[in-house]
Protein backbone atom coordinates (compact mmCIF):
# COMPACT_ATOMS: atom_id res chain seq x y z
CA UNK A 1 0.58 -17.28 -9.71
CA UNK A 2 0.23 -19.08 -12.71
CA UNK A 3 2.54 -22.44 -12.07
CA UNK A 4 3.58 -22.18 -16.07
CA UNK A 5 4.70 -18.43 -15.88
CA UNK A 6 6.14 -15.93 -13.83
CA UNK A 7 3.95 -12.39 -14.05
CA UNK A 8 5.95 -9.36 -13.99
CA UNK A 9 4.98 -7.26 -10.97
CA UNK A 10 5.31 -3.47 -10.88
CA UNK A 11 6.67 -1.89 -7.39
CA UNK A 12 5.81 1.67 -7.25
CA UNK A 13 7.71 3.98 -4.83
CA UNK A 14 6.78 7.47 -4.55
CA UNK A 15 8.80 10.01 -2.73
CA UNK A 16 9.57 13.39 -1.82
CA UNK A 17 12.38 14.62 0.51
CA UNK A 18 13.12 11.12 1.44
CA UNK A 19 17.02 10.73 1.52
CA UNK A 20 16.53 9.59 5.19
CA UNK A 21 15.00 6.01 4.37
CA UNK A 22 14.79 5.70 0.93
CA UNK A 23 17.94 3.75 0.63
CA UNK A 24 16.35 0.93 2.33
CA UNK A 25 13.43 1.01 0.64
CA UNK A 26 15.02 0.55 -2.61
CA UNK A 27 17.46 -2.36 -1.27
CA UNK A 28 14.69 -4.09 0.09
CA UNK A 29 13.07 -4.17 -3.46
CA UNK A 30 16.69 -4.93 -5.38
CA UNK A 31 17.57 -7.86 -3.18
CA UNK A 32 14.02 -9.68 -4.12
CA UNK A 33 14.65 -13.13 -5.31
CA UNK A 34 11.52 -12.70 -7.75
CA UNK A 35 12.97 -12.58 -10.93
CA UNK A 36 10.43 -10.44 -12.62
CA UNK A 37 10.17 -7.00 -11.06
CA UNK A 38 9.59 -3.86 -12.57
CA UNK A 39 10.78 -0.97 -10.15
CA UNK A 40 9.74 2.56 -10.65
CA UNK A 41 10.30 5.23 -8.50
CA UNK A 42 8.39 8.56 -8.71
CA UNK A 43 10.10 11.65 -7.37
CA UNK A 44 8.08 14.87 -6.62
CA UNK A 45 11.10 17.25 -7.22
CA UNK A 46 12.84 16.48 -4.05
CA UNK A 47 15.06 19.48 -3.07
CA UNK A 48 17.28 17.30 -0.61
CA UNK A 49 19.56 14.26 -1.63
CA UNK A 50 16.99 11.84 -2.57
CA UNK A 51 18.10 11.86 -6.26
CA UNK A 52 21.34 11.42 -5.06
CA UNK A 53 20.66 8.26 -3.37
CA UNK A 54 18.69 6.92 -6.42
CA UNK A 55 20.97 7.47 -8.58
CA UNK A 56 23.16 4.98 -6.78
CA UNK A 57 21.10 2.34 -8.19
CA UNK A 58 19.75 3.76 -11.08
CA UNK A 59 20.99 0.96 -13.50
CA UNK A 60 18.61 -1.35 -11.61
CA UNK A 61 15.47 0.65 -11.69
CA UNK A 62 13.08 0.19 -14.59
CA UNK A 63 11.87 3.79 -14.66
CA UNK A 64 12.62 6.96 -12.61
CA UNK A 65 11.16 10.25 -12.93
CA UNK A 66 11.73 13.54 -10.80
CA UNK A 67 8.90 16.40 -11.36
CA UNK A 68 6.56 18.44 -9.35
CA UNK A 69 3.40 16.74 -8.67
CA UNK A 70 -0.35 17.40 -7.22
CA UNK A 71 0.52 15.49 -3.87
CA UNK A 72 0.88 11.65 -3.18
CA UNK A 73 -2.19 10.12 -4.95
CA UNK A 74 -1.15 12.17 -8.37
CA UNK A 75 2.36 10.51 -7.78
CA UNK A 76 0.97 7.26 -7.45
CA UNK A 77 -1.36 7.52 -10.60
CA UNK A 78 2.00 8.79 -12.32
CA UNK A 79 3.41 5.41 -11.23
CA UNK A 80 0.62 3.23 -12.23
CA UNK A 81 0.46 4.90 -15.81
CA UNK A 82 3.84 4.08 -16.34
CA UNK A 83 4.01 0.40 -15.14
CA UNK A 84 3.50 -2.25 -17.79
CA UNK A 85 3.62 -5.24 -15.29
CA UNK A 86 0.40 -7.52 -14.74
CA UNK A 87 0.33 -6.77 -11.21
CA UNK A 88 0.99 -3.75 -9.16
CA UNK A 89 2.29 -2.87 -5.51
CA UNK A 90 2.72 0.65 -3.83
CA UNK A 91 5.40 0.50 -1.26
CA UNK A 92 6.12 3.82 0.47
CA UNK A 93 9.38 5.60 0.38
CA UNK A 94 10.06 4.83 3.89
CA UNK A 95 8.95 1.48 3.88
CA UNK A 96 10.56 -1.88 3.02
CA UNK A 97 9.47 -5.37 1.97
CA UNK A 98 9.53 -7.91 4.90
CA UNK A 99 12.44 -10.51 3.45
CA UNK A 100 13.96 -11.14 0.54
CA UNK A 101 12.08 -13.85 -0.83
CA UNK A 102 8.57 -12.36 0.38
CA UNK A 103 7.40 -11.49 -3.06
CA UNK A 104 8.14 -14.93 -4.12
CA UNK A 105 6.53 -16.93 -1.38
CA UNK A 106 3.53 -14.18 -1.97
CA UNK A 107 3.02 -14.56 -5.60
CA UNK A 108 3.32 -18.42 -4.90
CA UNK A 109 0.61 -18.89 -2.40
CA UNK A 110 -2.44 -18.74 -5.15
CA UNK A 111 -2.71 -19.72 -8.61
CA UNK A 112 -3.46 -16.70 -11.02
CA UNK A 113 -5.71 -14.51 -8.17
CA UNK A 114 -6.56 -10.93 -9.18
CA UNK A 115 -5.33 -9.93 -5.48
CA UNK A 116 -2.56 -11.12 -3.32
CA UNK A 117 -2.91 -9.59 0.46
CA UNK A 118 -1.03 -10.04 3.89
CA UNK A 119 -0.07 -8.48 6.96
CA UNK A 120 2.50 -5.61 7.63
CA UNK A 121 4.49 -4.92 10.60
CA UNK A 122 4.89 -1.51 12.20
CA UNK A 123 8.36 -0.18 12.73
CA UNK A 124 9.43 2.93 14.55
CA UNK A 125 11.45 5.81 13.41
CA UNK A 126 15.10 3.95 14.05
CA UNK A 127 13.61 0.78 12.20
CA UNK A 128 12.75 -1.52 15.23
CA UNK A 129 9.58 -3.63 15.06
CA UNK A 130 6.85 -2.37 16.91
CA UNK A 131 4.10 -5.22 16.09
CA UNK A 132 1.96 -6.33 13.65
CA UNK A 133 -0.74 -3.84 12.25
CA UNK A 134 -3.24 -5.99 13.22
CA UNK A 135 -2.13 -6.02 17.00
CA UNK A 136 -1.45 -2.41 17.08
CA UNK A 137 -4.67 -1.04 15.49
CA UNK A 138 -8.32 -2.09 15.86
CA UNK A 139 -8.07 -3.42 12.17
CA UNK A 140 -7.68 -6.84 11.88
CA UNK A 141 -6.58 -8.55 8.20
CA UNK A 142 -9.92 -10.83 7.54
CA UNK A 143 -9.11 -14.49 6.70
CA UNK A 144 -11.21 -13.49 3.26
CA UNK A 145 -11.14 -10.14 2.05
CA UNK A 146 -13.89 -8.52 -0.18
CA UNK A 147 -14.95 -5.07 -0.40
CA UNK A 148 -17.30 -5.28 2.31
CA UNK A 149 -14.75 -5.97 4.40
CA UNK A 150 -13.56 -2.23 4.76
CA UNK A 151 -16.80 -1.12 6.12
CA UNK A 152 -14.71 -0.59 9.45
CA UNK A 153 -11.78 1.22 7.56
CA UNK A 154 -8.44 -0.24 5.89
CA UNK A 155 -8.15 -3.47 7.15
CA UNK A 156 -5.21 -4.50 4.74
CA UNK A 157 -2.18 -2.01 4.19
CA UNK A 158 -1.64 -1.05 0.60
CA UNK A 159 1.61 -2.01 1.16
CA UNK A 160 1.09 -5.73 1.52
CA UNK A 161 -1.57 -5.60 -1.32
CA UNK A 162 -1.08 -6.54 -5.00
CA UNK A 163 -3.54 -6.25 -7.30
CA UNK A 164 -4.01 -7.09 -11.07
CA UNK A 165 -3.00 -4.02 -13.15
CA UNK A 166 -5.89 -4.16 -15.33
CA UNK A 167 -8.57 -3.90 -12.54
CA UNK A 168 -6.57 -1.09 -10.90
CA UNK A 169 -8.11 2.07 -11.31
CA UNK A 170 -6.49 5.68 -11.15
CA UNK A 171 -6.95 7.20 -7.49
CA UNK A 172 -9.39 9.73 -6.98
CA UNK A 173 -7.58 12.98 -6.64
CA UNK A 174 -10.79 14.67 -4.83
CA UNK A 175 -9.41 12.72 -1.79
CA UNK A 176 -6.09 14.12 -0.22
CA UNK A 177 -5.39 11.77 2.47
CA UNK A 178 -8.03 8.62 2.30
CA UNK A 179 -7.97 8.17 -1.77
CA UNK A 180 -6.19 4.54 -0.72
CA UNK A 181 -9.23 3.31 0.98
CA UNK A 182 -11.33 4.27 -1.96
CA UNK A 183 -9.08 2.90 -4.55
CA UNK A 184 -9.00 -0.47 -2.59
CA UNK A 185 -12.54 -0.88 -2.57
CA UNK A 186 -13.02 -0.40 -6.26
CA UNK A 187 -10.27 -2.75 -6.94
CA UNK A 188 -11.75 -5.42 -4.62
CA UNK A 189 -15.06 -5.28 -6.35
CA UNK A 190 -13.54 -5.41 -9.70
CA UNK A 191 -11.95 -8.53 -8.55
CA UNK A 192 -13.09 -12.30 -8.23
CA UNK A 193 -10.04 -14.57 -6.88
CA UNK A 194 -8.48 -12.63 -3.67
CA UNK A 195 -5.90 -14.55 -2.13
CA UNK A 196 -4.69 -14.23 1.66
CA UNK A 197 -1.04 -15.30 1.21
CA UNK A 198 -0.42 -15.23 5.11
CA UNK A 199 2.67 -13.57 4.82
CA UNK A 200 4.19 -10.39 6.58
CA UNK A 201 4.53 -8.43 3.60
CA UNK A 202 6.21 -5.35 4.39
CA UNK A 203 7.81 -3.22 7.41
CA UNK A 204 6.39 0.33 7.60
CA UNK A 205 6.92 3.39 9.91
CA UNK A 206 3.87 4.88 11.56
CA UNK A 207 2.92 8.19 11.15
CA UNK A 208 1.86 8.29 7.34
CA UNK A 209 -0.05 10.74 5.47
CA UNK A 210 -3.71 10.07 6.96
CA UNK A 211 -2.07 9.96 10.56
CA UNK A 212 -0.70 13.83 10.01
CA UNK A 213 -3.81 15.00 8.99
CA UNK A 214 -6.61 13.06 11.13
CA UNK A 215 -9.46 15.16 11.06
CA UNK A 216 -9.56 15.61 7.44
CA UNK A 217 -8.76 11.50 7.29
CA UNK A 218 -11.86 10.79 9.33
CA UNK A 219 -14.20 13.17 7.08
CA UNK A 220 -12.91 11.90 4.15
CA UNK A 221 -13.13 8.47 5.06
CA UNK A 222 -16.66 8.71 6.36
CA UNK A 223 -17.72 10.53 2.76
CA UNK A 224 -16.21 7.08 1.29
CA UNK A 225 -17.75 4.74 3.28
CA UNK A 226 -20.79 6.81 2.99
CA UNK A 227 -20.76 6.19 -0.90
CA UNK A 228 -20.50 2.54 -0.70
CA UNK A 229 -22.02 1.04 2.30
CA UNK A 230 -24.90 3.70 2.70
CA UNK A 231 -25.28 6.44 5.36
CA UNK A 232 -27.01 4.45 8.00
CA UNK A 233 -25.04 1.42 7.84
CA UNK A 234 -21.81 3.87 7.87
CA UNK A 235 -23.19 5.67 10.80
CA UNK A 236 -23.24 2.30 12.71
CA UNK A 237 -20.04 1.02 11.36
CA UNK A 238 -18.78 4.32 12.78
CA UNK A 239 -20.16 3.97 16.21
CA UNK A 240 -18.61 0.66 16.51
CA UNK A 241 -15.15 2.11 15.15
CA UNK A 242 -15.07 4.57 17.61
CA UNK A 243 -15.95 1.93 20.63
CA UNK A 244 -13.28 0.23 19.60
CA UNK A 245 -10.75 3.03 19.56
CA UNK A 246 -11.76 4.25 22.68
CA UNK A 247 -11.52 0.47 24.31
CA UNK A 248 -8.14 0.50 22.88
CA UNK A 249 -7.31 3.82 24.35
CA UNK A 250 -8.16 2.80 27.73
CA UNK A 251 -6.32 -0.54 27.90
């Protein structure tokens, strides 16, 4: 962050039938000490009480829309197109920011970076911490992130990833469950200054979209990584990934 200015951060939450957890998500954003946050909620025409929960906080939320969409990434694209901030952060409807001052600390970690990234904490259905994502999966948050860091998969959670809006393309809707890894590779290829904030940025519940569609996720990810890293290198990388998963399951 430029020391003489405080850029606006657009935080985008997309949701559908999220009445169970979305209030905690909203509260974690609204309690941030960082003064320049534009909060955007994109609801997919929920049929439960999601909109009633949102309405309680409506006066403190910059933009709320509720309409049918073509899925998660279409909704995220809508949020991105509504955003006016210099930076973007996507926070799911069952996730929370890790602490009230985490955005302030994150953006203060470096001067005027294109990307700010950190760690994420896994939590269970009841909101109890399970452990850092890097401790619970084979993926480690790299000390210095580049687009090549994703050759073994999603090493940084999008909930812990802030990108300059001008460098962020729309999500590719041909991918139903893994468009986030394609999007992150593209944003990293476009970025020059990438800042490891060494912060636990967000807490998120296990069992997201890719976990619910694991077979499709593997197929899509393989296609995406083939495109960016080449078929032979990707085959070798996936053998390495598979080996790490087998070792972790064994122990």
